[in-house]
């Protein structure tokens, strides 16, 4: 996975953190959690607020 794999990341986060409400996740935590996902090999410097927001919104959609 890479930073552009928004939906795949959202699904993986939903599976890894079922007890977390994605609406309240801070971007610093989200960034760290994405980097820790198995199979994620994106460059830590390639993320930005826009990407993290898209991941968070996809995670919220995945949860509902």
N, C-alpha and C. Protein backbone atom coordinates (compact mmCIF):
# COMPACT_ATOMS: atom_id res chain seq x y z
N UNK A 1 0.84 -1.19 0.00
CA UNK A 1 0.00 0.00 0.00
C UNK A 1 0.88 1.24 0.00
N UNK A 2 0.32 2.28 -0.57
CA UNK A 2 0.97 3.57 -0.61
C UNK A 2 -0.06 4.63 -0.21
N UNK A 3 0.38 5.88 -0.06
CA UNK A 3 -0.51 6.94 0.39
C UNK A 3 -1.71 7.15 -0.53
N UNK A 4 -1.60 6.78 -1.79
CA UNK A 4 -2.70 6.97 -2.73
C UNK A 4 -3.75 5.87 -2.64
N UNK A 5 -3.49 4.83 -1.89
CA UNK A 5 -4.43 3.71 -1.73
C UNK A 5 -5.40 4.00 -0.58
N UNK A 6 -6.14 5.08 -0.72
CA UNK A 6 -6.99 5.62 0.35
C UNK A 6 -7.98 4.57 0.88
N UNK A 7 -8.73 3.93 0.01
CA UNK A 7 -9.74 2.98 0.45
C UNK A 7 -9.12 1.76 1.11
N UNK A 8 -8.04 1.24 0.54
CA UNK A 8 -7.35 0.09 1.14
C UNK A 8 -6.84 0.43 2.54
N UNK A 9 -6.30 1.63 2.69
CA UNK A 9 -5.82 2.08 4.00
C UNK A 9 -6.98 2.18 4.98
N UNK A 10 -8.10 2.76 4.54
CA UNK A 10 -9.27 2.91 5.41
C UNK A 10 -9.77 1.55 5.89
N UNK A 11 -9.83 0.59 4.99
CA UNK A 11 -10.28 -0.76 5.35
C UNK A 11 -9.31 -1.39 6.35
N UNK A 12 -8.02 -1.25 6.10
CA UNK A 12 -7.02 -1.82 7.00
C UNK A 12 -7.08 -1.17 8.38
N UNK A 13 -7.28 0.15 8.42
CA UNK A 13 -7.40 0.83 9.71
C UNK A 13 -8.65 0.38 10.46
N UNK A 14 -9.75 0.20 9.74
CA UNK A 14 -10.99 -0.24 10.36
C UNK A 14 -10.82 -1.62 10.98
N UNK A 15 -10.07 -2.48 10.31
CA UNK A 15 -9.82 -3.82 10.84
C UNK A 15 -8.84 -3.79 12.01
N UNK A 16 -7.85 -2.91 11.94
CA UNK A 16 -6.81 -2.84 12.97
C UNK A 16 -7.27 -2.12 14.24
N UNK A 17 -8.20 -1.18 14.09
CA UNK A 17 -8.65 -0.35 15.21
C UNK A 17 -10.17 -0.31 15.30
N UNK A 18 -10.81 -1.45 15.54
CA UNK A 18 -12.28 -1.48 15.57
C UNK A 18 -12.89 -0.68 16.73
N UNK A 19 -12.12 -0.45 17.77
CA UNK A 19 -12.64 0.26 18.94
C UNK A 19 -12.52 1.78 18.82
N UNK A 20 -11.85 2.26 17.77
CA UNK A 20 -11.59 3.69 17.60
C UNK A 20 -12.67 4.33 16.74
N UNK A 21 -13.14 5.50 17.17
CA UNK A 21 -14.06 6.29 16.35
C UNK A 21 -13.19 7.17 15.45
N UNK A 22 -13.16 6.89 14.14
CA UNK A 22 -12.25 7.62 13.25
C UNK A 22 -12.50 9.12 13.18
N UNK A 23 -13.69 9.54 13.56
CA UNK A 23 -14.01 10.97 13.53
C UNK A 23 -13.11 11.77 14.48
N UNK A 24 -12.64 11.14 15.54
CA UNK A 24 -11.91 11.86 16.58
C UNK A 24 -10.41 11.58 16.58
N UNK A 25 -9.90 10.93 15.53
CA UNK A 25 -8.48 10.60 15.45
C UNK A 25 -7.69 11.84 15.01
N UNK A 26 -6.63 12.13 15.76
CA UNK A 26 -5.74 13.24 15.38
C UNK A 26 -4.88 12.80 14.20
N UNK A 27 -4.55 13.74 13.35
CA UNK A 27 -3.75 13.41 12.16
C UNK A 27 -2.38 12.85 12.53
N UNK A 28 -1.81 13.29 13.64
CA UNK A 28 -0.51 12.74 14.04
C UNK A 28 -0.64 11.25 14.37
N UNK A 29 -1.72 10.87 15.04
CA UNK A 29 -1.95 9.45 15.34
C UNK A 29 -2.26 8.68 14.06
N UNK A 30 -3.10 9.27 13.21
CA UNK A 30 -3.48 8.62 11.96
C UNK A 30 -2.24 8.34 11.11
N UNK A 31 -1.36 9.31 11.03
CA UNK A 31 -0.12 9.16 10.26
C UNK A 31 0.69 7.98 10.79
N UNK A 32 0.86 7.92 12.10
CA UNK A 32 1.63 6.83 12.71
C UNK A 32 0.96 5.48 12.50
N UNK A 33 -0.36 5.43 12.62
CA UNK A 33 -1.08 4.17 12.44
C UNK A 33 -0.99 3.67 11.01
N UNK A 34 -1.07 4.58 10.05
CA UNK A 34 -0.94 4.17 8.65
C UNK A 34 0.45 3.61 8.40
N UNK A 35 1.47 4.28 8.90
CA UNK A 35 2.83 3.79 8.72
C UNK A 35 3.04 2.41 9.33
N UNK A 36 2.29 2.11 10.39
CA UNK A 36 2.45 0.83 11.08
C UNK A 36 1.63 -0.30 10.46
N UNK A 37 0.78 0.00 9.49
CA UNK A 37 -0.05 -1.04 8.88
C UNK A 37 0.82 -2.07 8.15
N UNK A 38 0.48 -3.35 8.31
CA UNK A 38 1.20 -4.38 7.55
C UNK A 38 1.00 -4.15 6.05
N UNK A 39 2.06 -4.22 5.30
CA UNK A 39 1.96 -4.04 3.86
C UNK A 39 2.05 -2.60 3.40
N UNK A 40 2.13 -1.66 4.33
CA UNK A 40 2.26 -0.26 3.93
C UNK A 40 3.74 0.05 3.71
N UNK A 41 4.06 0.56 2.54
CA UNK A 41 5.46 0.88 2.24
C UNK A 41 5.63 2.29 1.66
N UNK A 42 4.68 3.15 1.97
CA UNK A 42 4.76 4.54 1.50
C UNK A 42 5.83 5.31 2.24
N UNK A 43 6.33 6.33 1.59
CA UNK A 43 7.35 7.21 2.15
C UNK A 43 6.70 8.10 3.21
N UNK A 44 7.26 8.12 4.38
CA UNK A 44 6.72 8.90 5.48
C UNK A 44 6.62 10.39 5.14
N UNK A 45 7.47 10.87 4.25
CA UNK A 45 7.48 12.28 3.87
C UNK A 45 6.46 12.62 2.78
N UNK A 46 5.79 11.63 2.21
CA UNK A 46 4.87 11.86 1.10
C UNK A 46 3.43 12.13 1.53
N UNK A 47 3.17 12.10 2.82
CA UNK A 47 1.81 12.38 3.28
C UNK A 47 1.65 13.87 3.54
N UNK A 48 0.40 14.29 3.56
CA UNK A 48 0.10 15.67 3.91
C UNK A 48 -1.31 15.71 4.50
N UNK A 49 -1.74 16.88 4.91
CA UNK A 49 -3.04 17.01 5.56
C UNK A 49 -4.18 16.58 4.64
N UNK A 50 -4.08 16.90 3.37
CA UNK A 50 -5.13 16.53 2.40
C UNK A 50 -5.26 15.00 2.30
N UNK A 51 -4.16 14.30 2.23
CA UNK A 51 -4.19 12.83 2.16
C UNK A 51 -4.74 12.24 3.45
N UNK A 52 -4.27 12.74 4.58
CA UNK A 52 -4.75 12.21 5.86
C UNK A 52 -6.24 12.47 6.05
N UNK A 53 -6.70 13.62 5.60
CA UNK A 53 -8.13 13.92 5.68
C UNK A 53 -8.93 12.96 4.80
N UNK A 54 -8.43 12.67 3.61
CA UNK A 54 -9.11 11.73 2.71
C UNK A 54 -9.16 10.34 3.31
N UNK A 55 -8.08 9.93 3.95
CA UNK A 55 -8.06 8.62 4.63
C UNK A 55 -9.07 8.60 5.76
N UNK A 56 -9.10 9.66 6.56
CA UNK A 56 -10.03 9.73 7.67
C UNK A 56 -11.48 9.69 7.18
N UNK A 57 -11.79 10.41 6.12
CA UNK A 57 -13.16 10.43 5.59
C UNK A 57 -13.53 9.04 5.04
N UNK A 58 -12.60 8.39 4.37
CA UNK A 58 -12.87 7.04 3.83
C UNK A 58 -13.08 6.05 4.98
N UNK A 59 -12.32 6.21 6.06
CA UNK A 59 -12.47 5.35 7.23
C UNK A 59 -13.85 5.56 7.86
N UNK A 60 -14.26 6.81 7.97
CA UNK A 60 -15.60 7.11 8.52
C UNK A 60 -16.68 6.47 7.62
N UNK A 61 -16.53 6.60 6.32
CA UNK A 61 -17.49 5.99 5.39
C UNK A 61 -17.49 4.47 5.51
N UNK A 62 -16.31 3.91 5.67
CA UNK A 62 -16.18 2.45 5.81
C UNK A 62 -16.90 1.97 7.07
N UNK A 63 -16.81 2.75 8.11
CA UNK A 63 -17.40 2.38 9.40
C UNK A 63 -18.92 2.45 9.36
N UNK A 64 -19.48 3.36 8.56
CA UNK A 64 -20.94 3.54 8.56
C UNK A 64 -21.64 2.65 7.56
